[in-house]
Amino acid sequence: MKLEQILSCPESSLLYMERMVNDGSPSKFSFTYTTSKETCPIYVEKFSLCCVKSDETDFVTFGKCNYDFFNDDLVLLHPDWKKEKTQFSTIDTNIQVIPTSSSRTVKILDQDIYIKLSYPGVLGRITRELRTEHILSSIDITNAFFKLIEANLVPNTFAFFPEYCGKLFKQENGDIGYVIRDGKPVGRQCKRIRALIPAFSLFSSDRQFSDVPLIIQILYHKKNKIDYLLEQLIYPIIDCYFSCVFNGGIQPEMHSQNFLIGIDTDLNVVSIVLRDLESADKDLVIMNRLGFPFEMKSYPYKFIDEKQNNYLIKHSFMYDHKLGEYFFDELLKCVQKYEVAQIDTMQSLIKAYVKKQYGFLLEYFFPENGKWYKFENILIDRTQNSRPYISFSNPKYR
């Protein structure tokens, strides 16, 4: 993908990057367990959704929106549900969608609307249900992010895609739902955005063309490349992350699929745009310390507190593993490969920044043993309460 193409045709370029400028997760599960070939973003540009027709006793709506498909008696489904043995019958629709990097999240053709769908099976390395708690969590975090922006508690670069509403089909073998995501980001500097780049596309290869990675193309235009990497990209991402944590008790899951970079015509980073809001953790300890600033209906889903034996581990998991390994590691490996900067030098600078800006807040935030945590590189069984954590010494980004 060429940078010039992104700036000249930002909307079509974004959809292309979602599908084709994507190396997948470092866990290597992204393309091991994926959707059918007929709906997989690597192979198809668009497909049509199916649905289940229900009566008033079978579906529940959450939030409000004016889309026709939301207000009728149909619940939209991923077409792979047609391959499953179910107690309900699926119906084809004429709603055409474009698959994105997450496979089950799709964009309605020619509209600024994304739909995150329930999926009948494993994607990546976990099952992808979408039930009441997921919809409520998406709406809760949307409301919380609006309040953080309104109260000036997040940086000017902070932005997000709102998830206002969702719909649920209730059935005996497990409820099936979807969440609607607004395709227009919200944030103080969003009007300055010329183009959006998925975080993973900065360092991923293009599946069709042998172009230099996008972050390297951007840096070719910058005189002080290390300053750009730190001051415009890495430090603002860290600030967005920790401002959500310490000013709202919201711990976003910022692996490289869950946020985008908004650039202006001069390639300045003007927005860090978060998405997939349901996956954020809500920290009861911090919220209580802040006077519980948000009313939330999704409790106890994704709430964490000090009564849990993995409370501090979850802080490390989200920061050191999800943001650190899935974004910072991949970004720094890329810039080192192209001889822009050395990984160890960049890690030292990042550590110094985090210590200076947040050291007093982090003293009791991460595990007391000084280690950082991730999952074993295996499929995750969500029916089990325990998680396959493994620990490492010497955190790389704090």
Protein backbone atom coordinates (compact mmCIF):
# COMPACT_ATOMS: atom_id res chain seq x y z
CA MET A 1 0.00 0.00 0.00
CA LYS A 2 1.33 3.38 -0.99
CA LEU A 3 0.99 6.34 1.35
CA GLU A 4 -0.02 8.60 -1.54
CA GLN A 5 -2.98 6.31 -2.28
CA ILE A 6 -4.13 6.51 1.33
CA LEU A 7 -4.06 10.31 1.32
CA SER A 8 -5.83 10.60 -2.03
CA CYS A 9 -8.49 7.91 -1.41
CA PRO A 10 -8.72 7.50 2.38
CA GLU A 11 -12.04 5.64 2.61
CA SER A 12 -11.32 2.90 0.07
CA SER A 13 -7.75 2.65 1.34
CA LEU A 14 -8.93 2.02 4.89
CA LEU A 15 -11.08 -0.89 3.75
CA TYR A 16 -8.19 -2.28 1.74
CA MET A 17 -5.79 -2.02 4.67
CA GLU A 18 -8.25 -3.77 6.96
CA ARG A 19 -8.33 -6.73 4.62
CA MET A 20 -4.93 -6.86 2.97
CA VAL A 21 -2.29 -4.92 4.95
CA ASN A 22 -2.51 -7.18 7.95
CA ASP A 23 0.01 -9.76 9.17
CA GLY A 24 -2.37 -10.98 11.86
CA SER A 25 -1.68 -11.47 15.54
CA PRO A 26 1.82 -12.39 16.76
CA SER A 27 0.15 -15.48 18.27
CA LYS A 28 -0.26 -16.74 14.67
CA PHE A 29 -3.84 -17.82 15.35
CA SER A 30 -5.46 -15.06 13.26
CA PHE A 31 -5.55 -17.04 10.03
CA THR A 32 -5.57 -20.52 11.57
CA TYR A 33 -9.09 -20.12 12.88
CA THR A 34 -11.04 -17.73 10.69
CA THR A 35 -14.34 -17.41 8.86
CA SER A 36 -15.34 -19.37 5.77
CA LYS A 37 -13.49 -18.60 2.56
CA GLU A 38 -16.70 -17.01 1.22
CA THR A 39 -16.59 -14.39 3.99
CA CYS A 40 -12.89 -14.18 4.90
CA PRO A 41 -11.40 -10.68 4.39
CA ILE A 42 -8.34 -12.12 2.66
CA TYR A 43 -10.43 -13.67 -0.11
CA VAL A 44 -13.55 -11.56 -0.59
CA GLU A 45 -14.31 -7.84 -0.82
CA LYS A 46 -17.96 -8.10 0.13
CA PHE A 47 -20.79 -10.50 0.92
CA SER A 48 -24.41 -10.37 2.11
CA LEU A 49 -25.61 -10.90 5.65
CA CYS A 50 -28.33 -13.32 6.63
CA CYS A 51 -30.82 -12.92 9.47
CA VAL A 52 -33.31 -14.66 11.68
CA LYS A 53 -36.88 -13.44 11.75
CA SER A 54 -38.29 -13.19 15.26
CA ASP A 55 -41.29 -11.97 17.16
CA GLU A 56 -41.36 -9.57 20.09
CA THR A 57 -40.72 -12.33 22.63
CA ASP A 58 -37.53 -13.45 20.88
CA PHE A 59 -35.48 -10.30 20.57
CA VAL A 60 -34.28 -7.47 22.77
CA THR A 61 -32.89 -4.10 21.71
CA PHE A 62 -30.37 -2.02 23.64
CA GLY A 63 -29.90 1.67 23.00
CA LYS A 64 -31.52 3.63 20.20
CA CYS A 65 -30.75 4.25 16.53
CA ASN A 66 -32.69 5.00 13.36
CA TYR A 67 -31.47 2.26 11.04
CA ASP A 68 -34.29 0.32 9.39
CA PHE A 69 -32.66 -3.07 9.96
CA PHE A 70 -32.38 -2.28 13.69
CA ASN A 71 -36.02 -1.40 14.17
CA ASP A 72 -37.62 -4.23 12.22
CA ASP A 73 -38.29 -7.79 13.41
CA LEU A 74 -35.05 -9.20 12.01
CA VAL A 75 -31.80 -9.95 13.81
CA LEU A 76 -28.76 -9.85 11.52
CA LEU A 77 -26.41 -12.82 11.46
CA HIS A 78 -23.04 -13.69 9.98
CA PRO A 79 -23.75 -15.97 6.98
CA ASP A 80 -21.59 -18.74 8.46
CA TRP A 81 -24.53 -19.42 10.77
CA LYS A 82 -26.17 -21.07 7.75
CA LYS A 83 -23.59 -23.87 8.03
CA GLU A 84 -24.61 -24.65 11.62
CA LYS A 85 -27.29 -26.98 12.94
CA THR A 86 -29.63 -24.59 14.72
CA GLN A 87 -33.16 -24.55 16.06
CA PHE A 88 -33.94 -21.49 13.96
CA SER A 89 -34.04 -20.84 10.23
CA THR A 90 -31.81 -18.26 8.58
CA ILE A 91 -32.96 -15.92 5.83
CA ASP A 92 -30.72 -14.21 3.28
CA THR A 93 -30.81 -10.41 3.19
CA ASN A 94 -29.81 -7.85 0.56
CA ILE A 95 -27.56 -6.04 3.08
CA GLN A 96 -24.10 -6.13 1.54
CA VAL A 97 -21.10 -5.72 3.81
CA ILE A 98 -17.32 -5.48 3.61
CA PRO A 99 -15.31 -7.67 6.00
CA THR A 100 -12.71 -6.02 8.24
CA SER A 101 -9.63 -7.34 9.99
CA SER A 102 -11.63 -8.92 12.80
CA SER A 103 -13.60 -11.05 10.28
CA ARG A 104 -16.87 -10.91 12.21
CA THR A 105 -16.98 -7.10 12.20
CA VAL A 106 -18.26 -5.81 8.88
CA LYS A 107 -18.97 -2.44 7.30
CA ILE A 108 -22.26 -1.88 5.52
CA LEU A 109 -21.55 -1.06 1.89
CA ASP A 110 -21.65 2.70 1.16
CA GLN A 111 -22.62 3.61 4.74
CA ASP A 112 -20.62 4.71 7.79
CA ILE A 113 -21.94 1.81 9.84
CA TYR A 114 -20.05 -1.16 11.20
CA ILE A 115 -21.69 -4.23 12.72
CA LYS A 116 -19.95 -6.56 15.16
CA LEU A 117 -21.64 -9.92 14.81
CA SER A 118 -21.86 -13.06 16.88
CA TYR A 119 -19.90 -15.90 15.27
CA PRO A 120 -20.62 -19.65 15.52
CA GLY A 121 -17.18 -20.89 16.47
CA VAL A 122 -13.57 -19.94 17.14
CA LEU A 123 -11.94 -16.91 15.56
CA GLY A 124 -8.31 -16.31 16.38
CA ARG A 125 -8.05 -18.48 19.48
CA ILE A 126 -11.34 -17.88 21.32
CA THR A 127 -15.05 -18.29 20.67
CA ARG A 128 -16.85 -15.12 19.59
CA GLU A 129 -20.24 -14.95 21.24
CA LEU A 130 -22.11 -11.68 21.45
CA ARG A 131 -24.64 -11.62 24.26
CA THR A 132 -26.35 -9.14 26.59
CA GLU A 133 -23.22 -8.41 28.63
CA HIS A 134 -21.17 -7.63 25.51
CA ILE A 135 -23.76 -5.19 24.16
CA LEU A 136 -24.17 -3.46 27.53
CA SER A 137 -20.41 -3.20 27.93
CA SER A 138 -20.05 -1.56 24.51
CA ILE A 139 -22.67 1.03 25.41
CA ASP A 140 -21.20 1.58 28.89
CA ILE A 141 -17.72 2.28 27.55
CA THR A 142 -19.13 4.53 24.83
CA ASN A 143 -20.87 6.66 27.47
CA ALA A 144 -17.76 6.68 29.67
CA PHE A 145 -15.53 7.84 26.81
CA PHE A 146 -17.91 10.67 25.96
CA LYS A 147 -17.75 11.84 29.58
CA LEU A 148 -13.95 11.63 29.68
CA ILE A 149 -13.73 13.84 26.60
CA GLU A 150 -16.33 16.30 27.92
CA ALA A 151 -14.49 16.58 31.25
CA ASN A 152 -11.16 17.14 29.48
CA LEU A 153 -9.67 14.08 31.20
CA VAL A 154 -8.07 12.58 28.09
CA PRO A 155 -5.51 14.03 25.65
CA ASN A 156 -6.60 15.94 22.56
CA THR A 157 -5.44 12.98 20.48
CA PHE A 158 -7.89 10.60 22.17
CA ALA A 159 -10.79 9.47 19.96
CA PHE A 160 -13.08 6.47 19.56
CA PHE A 161 -15.80 4.92 17.43
CA PRO A 162 -19.07 5.03 19.42
CA GLU A 163 -21.12 1.87 19.89
CA TYR A 164 -24.59 3.17 20.70
CA CYS A 165 -26.81 0.15 20.37
CA GLY A 166 -27.20 -3.57 19.86
CA LYS A 167 -29.78 -6.25 19.32
CA LEU A 168 -30.19 -9.75 20.71
CA PHE A 169 -31.99 -12.87 19.49
CA LYS A 170 -32.92 -15.01 22.50
CA GLN A 171 -32.87 -18.77 22.08
CA GLU A 172 -32.38 -21.87 24.23
CA ASN A 173 -28.86 -22.74 23.09
CA GLY A 174 -27.45 -19.28 23.76
CA ASP A 175 -28.41 -15.76 22.79
CA ILE A 176 -27.08 -14.32 19.52
CA GLY A 177 -26.60 -10.59 19.07
CA TYR A 178 -24.80 -7.79 17.31
CA VAL A 179 -23.47 -4.33 18.14
CA ILE A 180 -23.64 -1.32 15.83
CA ARG A 181 -20.51 0.83 15.59
CA ASP A 182 -20.62 4.36 14.19
CA GLY A 183 -18.06 4.74 11.41
CA LYS A 184 -17.34 8.37 12.28
CA PRO A 185 -14.82 8.79 15.10
CA VAL A 186 -15.47 11.11 18.03
CA GLY A 187 -12.67 13.23 19.49
CA ARG A 188 -11.45 16.80 19.76
CA GLN A 189 -9.20 16.62 16.72
CA CYS A 190 -11.17 14.28 14.46
CA LYS A 191 -12.04 17.06 12.02
CA ARG A 192 -8.35 17.29 11.20
CA ILE A 193 -8.12 13.63 10.16
CA ARG A 194 -7.34 13.14 6.49
CA ALA A 195 -6.88 9.37 6.65
CA LEU A 196 -7.20 6.54 9.15
CA ILE A 197 -4.63 3.75 9.30
CA PRO A 198 -5.26 0.59 11.37
CA ALA A 199 -2.44 0.29 13.89
CA PHE A 200 -1.40 -3.10 12.52
CA SER A 201 -1.13 -1.71 8.98
CA LEU A 202 1.72 0.57 10.02
CA PHE A 203 4.12 -2.38 10.12
CA SER A 204 2.32 -5.17 8.22
CA SER A 205 3.11 -6.29 4.71
CA ASP A 206 0.70 -5.81 1.82
CA ARG A 207 -0.67 -9.13 0.58
CA GLN A 208 -0.82 -7.88 -3.01
CA PHE A 209 2.08 -5.46 -3.38
CA SER A 210 5.67 -5.39 -2.13
CA ASP A 211 5.59 -1.84 -0.79
CA VAL A 212 7.71 -0.66 2.11
CA PRO A 213 5.72 -0.70 5.41
CA LEU A 214 3.59 2.39 5.92
CA ILE A 215 5.41 3.61 9.03
CA ILE A 216 8.66 3.60 7.03
CA GLN A 217 6.99 5.48 4.16
CA ILE A 218 5.79 8.08 6.67
CA LEU A 219 9.22 8.39 8.24
CA TYR A 220 10.81 9.00 4.84
CA HIS A 221 8.99 12.36 4.93
CA LYS A 222 10.24 13.27 8.41
CA LYS A 223 13.55 14.91 9.22
CA ASN A 224 13.77 13.68 12.81
CA LYS A 225 12.42 10.16 12.60
CA ILE A 226 12.92 9.11 16.22
CA ASP A 227 11.24 12.28 17.50
CA TYR A 228 8.27 11.56 15.22
CA LEU A 229 7.99 7.97 16.46
CA LEU A 230 8.09 9.01 20.09
CA GLU A 231 6.38 12.40 20.23
CA GLN A 232 3.65 11.83 17.65
CA LEU A 233 2.96 8.13 17.95
CA ILE A 234 4.26 6.20 20.95
CA TYR A 235 3.93 8.78 23.75
CA PRO A 236 0.40 9.88 22.69
CA ILE A 237 -0.70 6.23 22.62
CA ILE A 238 0.66 5.72 26.14
CA ASP A 239 -1.05 8.93 27.30
CA CYS A 240 -4.39 7.85 25.84
CA TYR A 241 -4.06 4.48 27.55
CA PHE A 242 -3.15 5.68 31.03
CA SER A 243 -5.55 8.64 30.99
CA CYS A 244 -8.42 6.16 30.45
CA VAL A 245 -7.05 4.00 33.28
CA PHE A 246 -6.33 6.61 35.94
CA ASN A 247 -8.98 9.22 35.08
CA GLY A 248 -11.81 6.80 34.39
CA GLY A 249 -10.94 3.34 35.67
CA ILE A 250 -11.24 2.09 32.08
CA GLN A 251 -8.46 -0.20 30.88
CA PRO A 252 -8.75 -0.40 27.07
CA GLU A 253 -7.61 -3.48 25.19
CA MET A 254 -5.25 -1.68 22.82
CA HIS A 255 -3.73 -4.46 20.80
CA SER A 256 -2.99 -3.40 17.25
CA GLN A 257 -6.40 -4.42 15.86
CA ASN A 258 -8.30 -2.29 18.36
CA PHE A 259 -7.12 1.20 17.45
CA LEU A 260 -6.34 3.30 14.41
CA ILE A 261 -4.05 6.23 13.73
CA GLY A 262 -5.60 9.41 12.32
CA ILE A 263 -3.17 11.50 10.24
CA ASP A 264 -3.57 14.88 8.58
CA THR A 265 -2.33 15.90 5.13
CA ASP A 266 1.14 16.63 6.55
CA LEU A 267 1.29 13.14 8.12
CA ASN A 268 0.98 14.48 11.64
CA VAL A 269 -0.78 12.11 14.03
CA VAL A 270 -3.87 14.01 15.17
CA SER A 271 -5.96 11.19 16.67
CA ILE A 272 -5.58 7.78 18.30
CA VAL A 273 -8.96 6.17 17.58
CA LEU A 274 -10.09 3.28 19.81
CA ARG A 275 -12.63 0.68 18.75
CA ASP A 276 -14.09 -2.64 19.90
CA LEU A 277 -15.06 -1.04 23.19
CA GLU A 278 -16.69 -4.09 24.76
CA SER A 279 -13.31 -5.63 25.53
CA ALA A 280 -12.17 -2.88 27.92
CA ASP A 281 -11.72 -3.79 31.59
CA LYS A 282 -13.48 -1.70 34.25
CA ASP A 283 -11.34 -1.29 37.35
CA LEU A 284 -13.55 -1.06 40.44
CA VAL A 285 -10.64 -0.09 42.69
CA ILE A 286 -9.80 2.97 40.60
CA MET A 287 -13.45 3.81 39.98
CA ASN A 288 -14.17 3.77 43.70
CA ARG A 289 -11.16 5.98 44.31
CA LEU A 290 -12.55 8.41 41.73
CA GLY A 291 -16.01 8.34 43.27
CA PHE A 292 -17.33 5.83 40.71
CA PRO A 293 -17.68 8.37 37.90
CA PHE A 294 -19.83 6.29 35.55
CA GLU A 295 -23.14 4.50 35.80
CA MET A 296 -22.66 1.07 34.26
CA LYS A 297 -25.20 -1.62 33.44
CA SER A 298 -22.76 -4.32 32.35
CA TYR A 299 -21.64 -5.34 35.87
CA PRO A 300 -20.03 -7.79 36.59
CA TYR A 301 -18.82 -8.39 33.02
CA LYS A 302 -15.17 -7.28 32.55
CA PHE A 303 -15.06 -5.64 36.00
CA ILE A 304 -11.87 -6.25 37.93
CA ASP A 305 -10.98 -5.60 41.57
CA GLU A 306 -8.43 -6.44 44.23
CA LYS A 307 -10.47 -9.43 45.47
CA GLN A 308 -9.45 -11.30 42.32
CA ASN A 309 -6.14 -13.12 42.59
CA ASN A 310 -5.16 -11.95 39.09
CA TYR A 311 -6.14 -8.29 39.58
CA LEU A 312 -2.62 -6.87 39.17
CA ILE A 313 -1.79 -9.49 36.54
CA LYS A 314 -4.65 -8.17 34.40
CA HIS A 315 -3.06 -4.71 34.48
CA SER A 316 0.15 -6.19 33.13
CA PHE A 317 -1.70 -8.35 30.61
CA MET A 318 -3.44 -5.38 29.02
CA TYR A 319 -0.43 -3.05 28.99
CA ASP A 320 2.69 -5.22 28.71
CA HIS A 321 1.18 -7.92 26.50
CA LYS A 322 -1.69 -6.46 24.48
CA LEU A 323 -0.26 -2.98 23.87
CA GLY A 324 3.40 -3.83 24.44
CA GLU A 325 3.83 -7.08 22.51
CA TYR A 326 1.09 -6.68 19.91
CA PHE A 327 1.86 -3.08 18.99
CA PHE A 328 5.12 -1.67 20.38
CA ASP A 329 7.15 -4.84 19.73
CA GLU A 330 5.94 -5.12 16.14
CA LEU A 331 6.43 -1.42 15.45
CA LEU A 332 9.98 -1.40 16.84
CA LYS A 333 10.97 -4.58 15.02
CA CYS A 334 9.89 -2.89 11.81
CA VAL A 335 11.81 0.36 12.35
CA GLN A 336 14.91 -1.58 13.42
CA LYS A 337 14.72 -3.72 10.29
CA TYR A 338 14.79 -0.56 8.17
CA GLU A 339 17.61 0.89 10.30
CA VAL A 340 15.58 3.81 11.63
CA ALA A 341 16.10 3.05 15.32
CA GLN A 342 17.36 0.31 17.64
CA ILE A 343 14.82 -1.57 19.72
CA ASP A 344 16.78 -1.40 22.97
CA THR A 345 17.32 2.35 22.61
CA MET A 346 13.62 2.96 21.95
CA GLN A 347 12.58 0.75 24.85
CA SER A 348 14.84 2.69 27.20
CA LEU A 349 13.32 5.99 26.05
CA ILE A 350 9.79 4.64 26.47
CA LYS A 351 10.57 3.32 29.96
CA ALA A 352 11.98 6.70 30.96
CA TYR A 353 8.87 8.49 29.68
CA VAL A 354 6.47 6.16 31.49
CA LYS A 355 8.44 6.44 34.73
CA LYS A 356 8.55 10.24 34.52
CA GLN A 357 4.88 10.72 33.61
CA TYR A 358 3.19 7.88 35.50
CA GLY A 359 5.72 6.36 37.91
CA PHE A 360 3.94 7.60 41.04
CA LEU A 361 0.65 6.08 39.82
CA LEU A 362 2.17 2.76 38.75
CA GLU A 363 3.88 1.95 42.04
CA TYR A 364 1.02 -0.29 43.16
CA PHE A 365 -0.62 -0.86 39.77
CA PHE A 366 1.47 -3.72 38.36
CA PRO A 367 2.44 -7.03 40.04
CA GLU A 368 4.69 -6.52 43.05
CA ASN A 369 7.14 -9.19 41.86
CA GLY A 370 8.22 -6.91 38.99
CA LYS A 371 7.19 -9.42 36.32
CA TRP A 372 4.92 -9.04 33.30
CA TYR A 373 2.30 -11.50 32.08
CA LYS A 374 0.75 -12.93 28.95
CA PHE A 375 -1.16 -16.07 27.93
CA GLU A 376 0.42 -19.26 26.77
CA ASN A 377 0.26 -19.48 22.99
CA ILE A 378 -2.69 -21.89 23.01
CA LEU A 379 -6.43 -21.84 22.35
CA ILE A 380 -8.34 -20.17 25.19
CA ASP A 381 -11.21 -22.05 26.83
CA ARG A 382 -13.60 -19.32 27.96
CA THR A 383 -15.72 -21.79 29.91
CA GLN A 384 -12.90 -22.04 32.48
CA ASN A 385 -12.38 -19.36 35.15
CA SER A 386 -8.59 -19.70 35.15
CA ARG A 387 -6.38 -18.37 32.36
CA PRO A 388 -3.06 -19.84 31.14
CA TYR A 389 -0.83 -16.95 32.28
CA ILE A 390 2.93 -17.16 32.02
CA SER A 391 5.31 -14.62 33.55
CA PHE A 392 8.48 -12.89 32.36
CA SER A 393 11.10 -10.73 34.00
CA ASN A 394 12.11 -7.22 32.94
CA PRO A 395 9.04 -5.44 31.51
CA LYS A 396 10.02 -3.76 28.26
CA TYR A 397 7.86 -0.61 28.34
CA ARG A 398 7.79 0.45 32.02
